[in-house]
N, C-alpha and C. Protein backbone atom coordinates (compact mmCIF):
# COMPACT_ATOMS: atom_id res chain seq x y z
N MET A 1 74.63 33.99 180.79
CA MET A 1 75.74 33.97 181.72
C MET A 1 77.04 33.58 181.02
N LEU A 2 76.98 32.67 180.08
CA LEU A 2 78.16 32.25 179.33
C LEU A 2 78.78 33.44 178.60
N LYS A 3 77.93 34.31 178.08
CA LYS A 3 78.41 35.51 177.39
C LYS A 3 79.31 36.34 178.30
N TYR A 4 78.93 36.48 179.56
CA TYR A 4 79.68 37.32 180.49
C TYR A 4 80.97 36.64 180.94
N PHE A 5 80.95 35.31 181.01
CA PHE A 5 82.20 34.58 181.26
C PHE A 5 83.18 34.82 180.11
N LEU A 6 82.69 34.72 178.89
CA LEU A 6 83.56 34.91 177.72
C LEU A 6 84.10 36.34 177.67
N ILE A 7 83.24 37.31 177.93
CA ILE A 7 83.69 38.71 177.97
C ILE A 7 84.72 38.88 179.08
N GLY A 8 84.47 38.29 180.24
CA GLY A 8 85.40 38.37 181.36
C GLY A 8 86.75 37.78 181.03
N PHE A 9 86.77 36.61 180.37
CA PHE A 9 88.04 35.99 180.02
C PHE A 9 88.78 36.77 178.94
N LEU A 10 88.04 37.38 178.04
CA LEU A 10 88.66 38.26 177.06
C LEU A 10 89.33 39.45 177.77
N LEU A 11 88.63 40.03 178.74
CA LEU A 11 89.18 41.16 179.49
C LEU A 11 90.39 40.74 180.34
N ILE A 12 90.35 39.54 180.89
CA ILE A 12 91.52 39.03 181.63
C ILE A 12 92.72 39.02 180.68
N GLY A 13 92.53 38.45 179.50
CA GLY A 13 93.62 38.38 178.53
C GLY A 13 94.16 39.75 178.16
N LEU A 14 93.25 40.69 177.91
CA LEU A 14 93.68 42.04 177.53
C LEU A 14 94.41 42.75 178.67
N THR A 15 93.90 42.62 179.88
CA THR A 15 94.56 43.30 181.00
C THR A 15 95.91 42.67 181.31
N VAL A 16 96.01 41.37 181.18
CA VAL A 16 97.31 40.72 181.39
C VAL A 16 98.29 41.15 180.30
N MET A 17 97.81 41.29 179.07
CA MET A 17 98.69 41.77 177.99
C MET A 17 99.16 43.20 178.26
N ILE A 18 98.27 44.06 178.73
CA ILE A 18 98.66 45.43 179.08
C ILE A 18 99.73 45.39 180.16
N HIS A 19 99.50 44.60 181.19
CA HIS A 19 100.44 44.54 182.31
C HIS A 19 101.78 43.92 181.89
N ALA A 20 101.71 42.85 181.13
CA ALA A 20 102.95 42.19 180.69
C ALA A 20 103.77 43.11 179.80
N THR A 21 103.12 43.76 178.87
CA THR A 21 103.83 44.67 177.97
C THR A 21 104.41 45.85 178.76
N GLY A 22 103.59 46.47 179.59
CA GLY A 22 104.05 47.63 180.36
C GLY A 22 105.19 47.31 181.30
N THR A 23 105.07 46.20 182.04
CA THR A 23 106.13 45.87 183.00
C THR A 23 107.40 45.43 182.29
N SER A 24 107.27 44.71 181.18
CA SER A 24 108.47 44.28 180.44
C SER A 24 109.21 45.49 179.87
N LEU A 25 108.46 46.39 179.24
CA LEU A 25 109.10 47.58 178.67
C LEU A 25 109.74 48.43 179.77
N TRP A 26 109.07 48.56 180.90
CA TRP A 26 109.61 49.38 181.99
C TRP A 26 110.90 48.76 182.54
N MET A 27 110.91 47.46 182.78
CA MET A 27 112.11 46.83 183.31
C MET A 27 113.26 46.90 182.31
N GLN A 28 112.97 46.74 181.03
CA GLN A 28 114.02 46.87 180.01
C GLN A 28 114.62 48.27 180.05
N ARG A 29 113.76 49.27 180.15
CA ARG A 29 114.25 50.66 180.21
C ARG A 29 115.08 50.90 181.46
N LEU A 30 114.58 50.42 182.60
CA LEU A 30 115.34 50.62 183.85
C LEU A 30 116.72 49.99 183.76
N ILE A 31 116.78 48.77 183.31
CA ILE A 31 118.07 48.06 183.25
C ILE A 31 118.99 48.72 182.23
N ARG A 32 118.44 49.10 181.09
CA ARG A 32 119.26 49.73 180.04
C ARG A 32 119.82 51.08 180.50
N GLN A 33 119.01 51.89 181.18
CA GLN A 33 119.43 53.25 181.51
C GLN A 33 119.99 53.42 182.92
N TYR A 34 119.60 52.57 183.86
CA TYR A 34 119.94 52.86 185.26
C TYR A 34 120.66 51.73 185.99
N ALA A 35 121.06 50.69 185.27
CA ALA A 35 121.79 49.60 185.92
C ALA A 35 123.26 49.66 185.52
N SER A 36 124.12 49.36 186.48
CA SER A 36 125.55 49.30 186.20
C SER A 36 125.87 48.00 185.46
N HIS A 37 127.12 47.83 185.08
CA HIS A 37 127.53 46.60 184.40
C HIS A 37 127.38 45.38 185.30
N GLU A 38 127.45 45.61 186.61
CA GLU A 38 127.28 44.51 187.57
C GLU A 38 125.81 44.20 187.82
N GLY A 39 124.92 45.02 187.28
CA GLY A 39 123.49 44.79 187.45
C GLY A 39 122.86 45.54 188.61
N HIS A 40 123.62 46.42 189.26
CA HIS A 40 123.09 47.21 190.37
C HIS A 40 122.59 48.55 189.84
N TRP A 41 121.68 49.16 190.60
CA TRP A 41 121.22 50.49 190.20
C TRP A 41 122.35 51.49 190.35
N ILE A 42 122.41 52.44 189.45
CA ILE A 42 123.42 53.49 189.52
C ILE A 42 123.23 54.24 190.83
N PRO A 43 124.31 54.44 191.60
CA PRO A 43 124.19 55.12 192.90
C PRO A 43 123.49 56.46 192.78
N GLY A 44 122.63 56.73 193.73
CA GLY A 44 121.90 57.99 193.78
C GLY A 44 120.61 58.00 192.98
N MET A 45 120.35 56.92 192.23
CA MET A 45 119.15 56.86 191.40
C MET A 45 118.03 56.01 192.01
N GLN A 46 118.31 55.34 193.14
CA GLN A 46 117.33 54.41 193.69
C GLN A 46 115.98 55.05 193.98
N TRP A 47 115.97 56.21 194.61
CA TRP A 47 114.69 56.83 194.97
C TRP A 47 113.90 57.21 193.73
N TRP A 48 114.58 57.73 192.72
CA TRP A 48 113.88 58.05 191.48
C TRP A 48 113.31 56.77 190.85
N ILE A 49 114.10 55.72 190.86
CA ILE A 49 113.67 54.43 190.30
C ILE A 49 112.44 53.92 191.05
N PHE A 50 112.43 54.03 192.37
CA PHE A 50 111.28 53.55 193.16
C PHE A 50 110.03 54.35 192.82
N VAL A 51 110.14 55.67 192.81
CA VAL A 51 108.98 56.53 192.54
C VAL A 51 108.48 56.32 191.11
N ALA A 52 109.39 56.26 190.16
CA ALA A 52 109.00 56.07 188.76
C ALA A 52 108.35 54.69 188.55
N THR A 53 108.90 53.67 189.19
CA THR A 53 108.32 52.33 189.06
C THR A 53 106.91 52.29 189.64
N ALA A 54 106.72 52.88 190.80
CA ALA A 54 105.37 52.92 191.40
C ALA A 54 104.41 53.67 190.49
N THR A 55 104.86 54.76 189.91
CA THR A 55 104.01 55.54 189.01
C THR A 55 103.64 54.74 187.76
N VAL A 56 104.60 54.06 187.18
CA VAL A 56 104.34 53.24 186.00
C VAL A 56 103.34 52.14 186.33
N LEU A 57 103.54 51.46 187.44
CA LEU A 57 102.64 50.36 187.82
C LEU A 57 101.22 50.86 188.06
N LEU A 58 101.10 51.97 188.76
CA LEU A 58 99.76 52.52 189.00
C LEU A 58 99.10 52.99 187.70
N THR A 59 99.89 53.53 186.79
CA THR A 59 99.36 53.94 185.49
C THR A 59 98.84 52.73 184.72
N LEU A 60 99.56 51.63 184.77
CA LEU A 60 99.09 50.41 184.12
C LEU A 60 97.74 49.97 184.71
N HIS A 61 97.63 50.03 186.03
CA HIS A 61 96.36 49.66 186.67
C HIS A 61 95.23 50.58 186.24
N ILE A 62 95.52 51.85 186.11
CA ILE A 62 94.49 52.80 185.67
C ILE A 62 94.04 52.46 184.24
N LEU A 63 94.99 52.15 183.37
CA LEU A 63 94.63 51.74 182.00
C LEU A 63 93.75 50.49 182.01
N GLU A 64 94.08 49.55 182.86
CA GLU A 64 93.31 48.32 182.95
C GLU A 64 91.90 48.59 183.48
N ILE A 65 91.81 49.46 184.46
CA ILE A 65 90.50 49.85 185.01
C ILE A 65 89.68 50.57 183.94
N LEU A 66 90.34 51.40 183.16
CA LEU A 66 89.64 52.09 182.06
C LEU A 66 89.07 51.09 181.05
N LEU A 67 89.82 50.05 180.76
CA LEU A 67 89.35 49.02 179.84
C LEU A 67 88.06 48.38 180.36
N TRP A 68 88.07 48.00 181.63
CA TRP A 68 86.86 47.42 182.23
C TRP A 68 85.72 48.43 182.22
N SER A 69 86.00 49.69 182.53
CA SER A 69 84.97 50.74 182.55
C SER A 69 84.30 50.88 181.19
N LEU A 70 85.14 50.94 180.17
CA LEU A 70 84.61 51.09 178.81
C LEU A 70 83.78 49.88 178.39
N THR A 71 84.16 48.71 178.87
CA THR A 71 83.38 47.51 178.57
C THR A 71 82.00 47.60 179.22
N TYR A 72 81.95 48.05 180.47
CA TYR A 72 80.65 48.20 181.14
C TYR A 72 79.77 49.19 180.38
N LEU A 73 80.36 50.26 179.89
CA LEU A 73 79.59 51.24 179.11
C LEU A 73 79.16 50.67 177.76
N TRP A 74 80.00 49.86 177.16
CA TRP A 74 79.75 49.29 175.85
C TRP A 74 78.59 48.29 175.87
N LEU A 75 78.43 47.59 176.99
CA LEU A 75 77.36 46.59 177.07
C LEU A 75 76.02 47.28 177.36
N PRO A 76 75.13 47.31 176.37
CA PRO A 76 73.88 48.07 176.53
C PRO A 76 72.96 47.52 177.60
N GLU A 77 73.08 46.25 177.92
CA GLU A 77 72.19 45.66 178.92
C GLU A 77 72.58 46.02 180.35
N ILE A 78 73.78 46.59 180.55
CA ILE A 78 74.17 47.06 181.89
C ILE A 78 73.69 48.50 182.01
N THR A 79 72.53 48.65 182.63
CA THR A 79 71.88 49.97 182.69
C THR A 79 72.23 50.74 183.94
N TYR A 80 72.83 50.11 184.92
CA TYR A 80 73.16 50.81 186.17
C TYR A 80 74.32 51.78 185.99
N LEU A 81 75.13 51.56 184.99
CA LEU A 81 76.32 52.38 184.75
C LEU A 81 76.10 53.21 183.49
N GLU A 82 75.42 54.30 183.64
CA GLU A 82 75.01 55.09 182.48
C GLU A 82 76.03 56.14 182.05
N THR A 83 76.92 56.54 182.96
CA THR A 83 77.90 57.56 182.63
C THR A 83 79.31 56.99 182.73
N PHE A 84 80.24 57.65 182.08
CA PHE A 84 81.64 57.23 182.17
C PHE A 84 82.11 57.29 183.62
N GLU A 85 81.74 58.34 184.33
CA GLU A 85 82.17 58.50 185.73
C GLU A 85 81.67 57.34 186.59
N SER A 86 80.41 56.94 186.41
CA SER A 86 79.88 55.85 187.23
C SER A 86 80.54 54.52 186.85
N ALA A 87 80.79 54.31 185.57
CA ALA A 87 81.47 53.07 185.14
C ALA A 87 82.90 53.04 185.65
N LEU A 88 83.59 54.17 185.59
CA LEU A 88 84.97 54.25 186.08
C LEU A 88 85.02 54.02 187.58
N TYR A 89 84.12 54.66 188.31
CA TYR A 89 84.07 54.50 189.77
C TYR A 89 83.79 53.04 190.12
N PHE A 90 82.78 52.45 189.49
CA PHE A 90 82.44 51.05 189.77
C PHE A 90 83.63 50.14 189.48
N SER A 91 84.27 50.36 188.34
CA SER A 91 85.41 49.54 187.97
C SER A 91 86.57 49.72 188.95
N LEU A 92 86.81 50.94 189.38
CA LEU A 92 87.89 51.21 190.33
C LEU A 92 87.66 50.49 191.66
N VAL A 93 86.47 50.59 192.22
CA VAL A 93 86.23 49.94 193.51
C VAL A 93 86.14 48.43 193.37
N THR A 94 85.82 47.94 192.17
CA THR A 94 85.79 46.50 191.94
C THR A 94 87.19 45.95 191.72
N PHE A 95 87.96 46.57 190.84
CA PHE A 95 89.32 46.13 190.51
C PHE A 95 90.21 46.11 191.75
N THR A 96 90.05 47.11 192.60
CA THR A 96 90.86 47.18 193.82
C THR A 96 90.29 46.33 194.94
N THR A 97 89.17 45.69 194.71
CA THR A 97 88.42 44.88 195.68
C THR A 97 87.95 45.68 196.88
N LEU A 98 87.89 47.00 196.75
CA LEU A 98 87.35 47.83 197.81
C LEU A 98 85.86 47.55 197.98
N GLY A 99 85.14 47.52 196.86
CA GLY A 99 83.75 47.09 196.83
C GLY A 99 82.82 47.78 197.82
N TYR A 100 82.67 49.08 197.70
CA TYR A 100 81.76 49.80 198.61
C TYR A 100 80.35 49.23 198.56
N GLY A 101 79.88 48.83 197.40
CA GLY A 101 78.54 48.28 197.28
C GLY A 101 77.47 49.31 197.02
N ASP A 102 77.87 50.58 196.88
CA ASP A 102 76.87 51.61 196.59
C ASP A 102 76.36 51.51 195.16
N ILE A 103 77.14 50.91 194.28
CA ILE A 103 76.70 50.61 192.92
C ILE A 103 76.92 49.11 192.73
N THR A 104 75.90 48.42 192.30
CA THR A 104 76.03 47.00 192.01
C THR A 104 75.40 46.72 190.65
N LEU A 105 75.83 45.64 190.06
CA LEU A 105 75.27 45.23 188.77
C LEU A 105 74.05 44.34 189.01
N GLN A 106 73.23 44.24 187.99
CA GLN A 106 72.09 43.34 188.05
C GLN A 106 72.63 41.91 188.20
N PRO A 107 71.86 41.02 188.82
CA PRO A 107 72.36 39.66 189.10
C PRO A 107 72.99 38.95 187.92
N VAL A 108 72.43 39.07 186.74
CA VAL A 108 72.97 38.35 185.59
C VAL A 108 74.34 38.88 185.17
N HIS A 109 74.66 40.12 185.52
CA HIS A 109 75.94 40.73 185.12
C HIS A 109 77.01 40.67 186.21
N ARG A 110 76.64 40.24 187.38
CA ARG A 110 77.58 40.26 188.52
C ARG A 110 78.82 39.41 188.28
N ILE A 111 78.71 38.43 187.44
CA ILE A 111 79.87 37.57 187.17
C ILE A 111 81.04 38.39 186.66
N LEU A 112 80.75 39.43 185.88
CA LEU A 112 81.82 40.30 185.37
C LEU A 112 82.55 41.02 186.50
N SER A 113 81.81 41.51 187.47
CA SER A 113 82.47 42.23 188.57
C SER A 113 83.34 41.27 189.39
N GLY A 114 82.90 40.04 189.56
CA GLY A 114 83.73 39.06 190.27
C GLY A 114 84.99 38.74 189.52
N ILE A 115 84.88 38.59 188.21
CA ILE A 115 86.06 38.32 187.38
C ILE A 115 87.00 39.52 187.41
N GLU A 116 86.44 40.74 187.38
CA GLU A 116 87.29 41.93 187.46
C GLU A 116 88.04 41.98 188.78
N ALA A 117 87.37 41.66 189.88
CA ALA A 117 88.03 41.68 191.18
C ALA A 117 89.17 40.67 191.25
N MET A 118 88.93 39.46 190.74
CA MET A 118 90.00 38.45 190.73
C MET A 118 91.18 38.90 189.88
N THR A 119 90.88 39.54 188.76
CA THR A 119 91.93 40.05 187.89
C THR A 119 92.73 41.14 188.60
N GLY A 120 92.03 42.03 189.28
CA GLY A 120 92.70 43.09 190.03
C GLY A 120 93.63 42.54 191.10
N ILE A 121 93.16 41.56 191.86
CA ILE A 121 94.00 40.95 192.90
C ILE A 121 95.27 40.37 192.27
N PHE A 122 95.09 39.64 191.18
CA PHE A 122 96.24 39.03 190.50
C PHE A 122 97.23 40.08 190.02
N LEU A 123 96.72 41.14 189.38
CA LEU A 123 97.63 42.15 188.82
C LEU A 123 98.27 43.00 189.90
N PHE A 124 97.59 43.25 191.00
CA PHE A 124 98.24 43.96 192.10
C PHE A 124 99.33 43.10 192.73
N GLY A 125 99.09 41.80 192.79
CA GLY A 125 100.14 40.89 193.27
C GLY A 125 101.36 40.92 192.36
N TRP A 126 101.12 40.92 191.07
CA TRP A 126 102.20 41.00 190.08
C TRP A 126 102.97 42.29 190.27
N SER A 127 102.26 43.40 190.43
CA SER A 127 102.92 44.70 190.62
C SER A 127 103.74 44.72 191.91
N THR A 128 103.19 44.13 192.96
CA THR A 128 103.91 44.07 194.23
C THR A 128 105.20 43.27 194.07
N ALA A 129 105.11 42.14 193.39
CA ALA A 129 106.30 41.31 193.17
C ALA A 129 107.35 42.05 192.35
N LEU A 130 106.91 42.75 191.31
CA LEU A 130 107.86 43.48 190.48
C LEU A 130 108.49 44.63 191.26
N PHE A 131 107.69 45.35 192.03
CA PHE A 131 108.23 46.46 192.81
C PHE A 131 109.23 45.93 193.85
N PHE A 132 108.92 44.79 194.46
CA PHE A 132 109.84 44.19 195.42
C PHE A 132 111.15 43.81 194.73
N ALA A 133 111.09 43.29 193.52
CA ALA A 133 112.31 42.93 192.79
C ALA A 133 113.17 44.17 192.54
N VAL A 134 112.54 45.29 192.22
CA VAL A 134 113.28 46.54 192.00
C VAL A 134 113.95 46.99 193.29
N VAL A 135 113.22 46.94 194.40
CA VAL A 135 113.77 47.34 195.69
C VAL A 135 114.86 46.36 196.13
N GLN A 136 114.63 45.08 195.93
CA GLN A 136 115.60 44.07 196.33
C GLN A 136 116.93 44.25 195.60
N ARG A 137 116.88 44.65 194.34
CA ARG A 137 118.12 44.91 193.58
C ARG A 137 118.92 46.00 194.28
N SER A 138 118.25 47.00 194.80
CA SER A 138 118.90 48.07 195.53
C SER A 138 119.49 47.56 196.84
N TRP A 139 118.74 46.73 197.54
CA TRP A 139 119.22 46.18 198.81
C TRP A 139 120.45 45.31 198.60
N ARG A 140 120.43 44.47 197.56
CA ARG A 140 121.58 43.62 197.28
C ARG A 140 122.85 44.43 197.06
N ALA A 141 122.72 45.51 196.32
CA ALA A 141 123.88 46.36 196.04
C ALA A 141 124.39 46.97 197.34
N SER A 142 123.50 47.43 198.21
CA SER A 142 123.90 48.02 199.49
C SER A 142 124.55 46.97 200.38
N PHE A 143 123.98 45.76 200.40
CA PHE A 143 124.53 44.69 201.22
C PHE A 143 125.93 44.31 200.74
N ARG A 144 126.09 44.18 199.44
CA ARG A 144 127.40 43.81 198.90
C ARG A 144 128.44 44.88 199.20
N LYS A 145 128.04 46.14 199.06
CA LYS A 145 128.97 47.23 199.33
C LYS A 145 129.39 47.20 200.81
N LYS A 146 128.43 47.04 201.71
CA LYS A 146 128.73 47.00 203.14
C LYS A 146 129.56 45.77 203.47
N HIS A 147 129.19 44.62 202.92
CA HIS A 147 129.90 43.38 203.18
C HIS A 147 131.33 43.45 202.65
N HIS A 148 131.50 44.04 201.48
CA HIS A 148 132.83 44.18 200.88
C HIS A 148 133.71 45.10 201.73
N SER A 149 133.18 46.22 202.20
CA SER A 149 133.98 47.13 203.02
C SER A 149 134.30 46.49 204.37
N HIS A 150 133.39 45.66 204.90
CA HIS A 150 133.63 44.96 206.16
C HIS A 150 134.75 43.93 205.99
N ASP A 151 134.73 43.20 204.85
CA ASP A 151 135.79 42.22 204.56
C ASP A 151 137.14 42.91 204.38
N SER A 152 137.16 44.05 203.72
CA SER A 152 138.39 44.80 203.51
C SER A 152 138.95 45.28 204.85
N HIS A 153 138.07 45.73 205.73
CA HIS A 153 138.49 46.20 207.05
C HIS A 153 139.08 45.04 207.85
N ASN A 154 138.44 43.86 207.80
CA ASN A 154 138.96 42.70 208.53
C ASN A 154 140.29 42.24 207.97
N ALA A 155 140.46 42.27 206.66
CA ALA A 155 141.72 41.86 206.04
C ALA A 155 142.83 42.82 206.45
N ALA A 156 142.56 44.11 206.51
CA ALA A 156 143.55 45.10 206.92
C ALA A 156 143.91 44.90 208.38
N ALA A 157 142.96 44.57 209.21
CA ALA A 157 143.21 44.35 210.63
C ALA A 157 144.08 43.11 210.84
N LYS A 158 143.86 42.06 210.04
CA LYS A 158 144.66 40.84 210.17
C LYS A 158 146.10 41.09 209.73
N GLN A 159 146.31 41.95 208.73
CA GLN A 159 147.66 42.25 208.29
C GLN A 159 148.42 43.01 209.36
N GLY A 160 147.70 43.78 210.16
CA GLY A 160 148.36 44.55 211.22
C GLY A 160 148.75 43.71 212.41
N ASP A 161 148.21 42.46 212.50
CA ASP A 161 148.51 41.58 213.64
C ASP A 161 149.88 41.05 213.60
């Protein structure tokens, strides 16, 4: 059992490194290419930024699921997952915590699937937070623009009094 805890913690580290590297590089690219000097998204690019960010985040999750899948295949004592397709499917439903239960690991190996599910929950939370930050940047720019035009309108109305 200790062996599977160690393998699980190694996989946690690797998946967090994949996610950290991918999200950091993506945010650097977004800010470098699509942010104004004030830090707002360039007008008209928000929808592309949202779609591209979602695609990047989901791609990172797929890479992480692939890592877990390959580990299940690599461990010769896990005999329930004999094909890449079955390992990928099992990893996908485990990482997303969907957990259909149509494929399960032998009792001694189940610790890995629990660790994978916890890792998936954590990384989906991270992705949700990052995606919200991207959307919030867009909202802030819209709010400031609306608030600024409202202040300008009120100042003009006061001058007319």
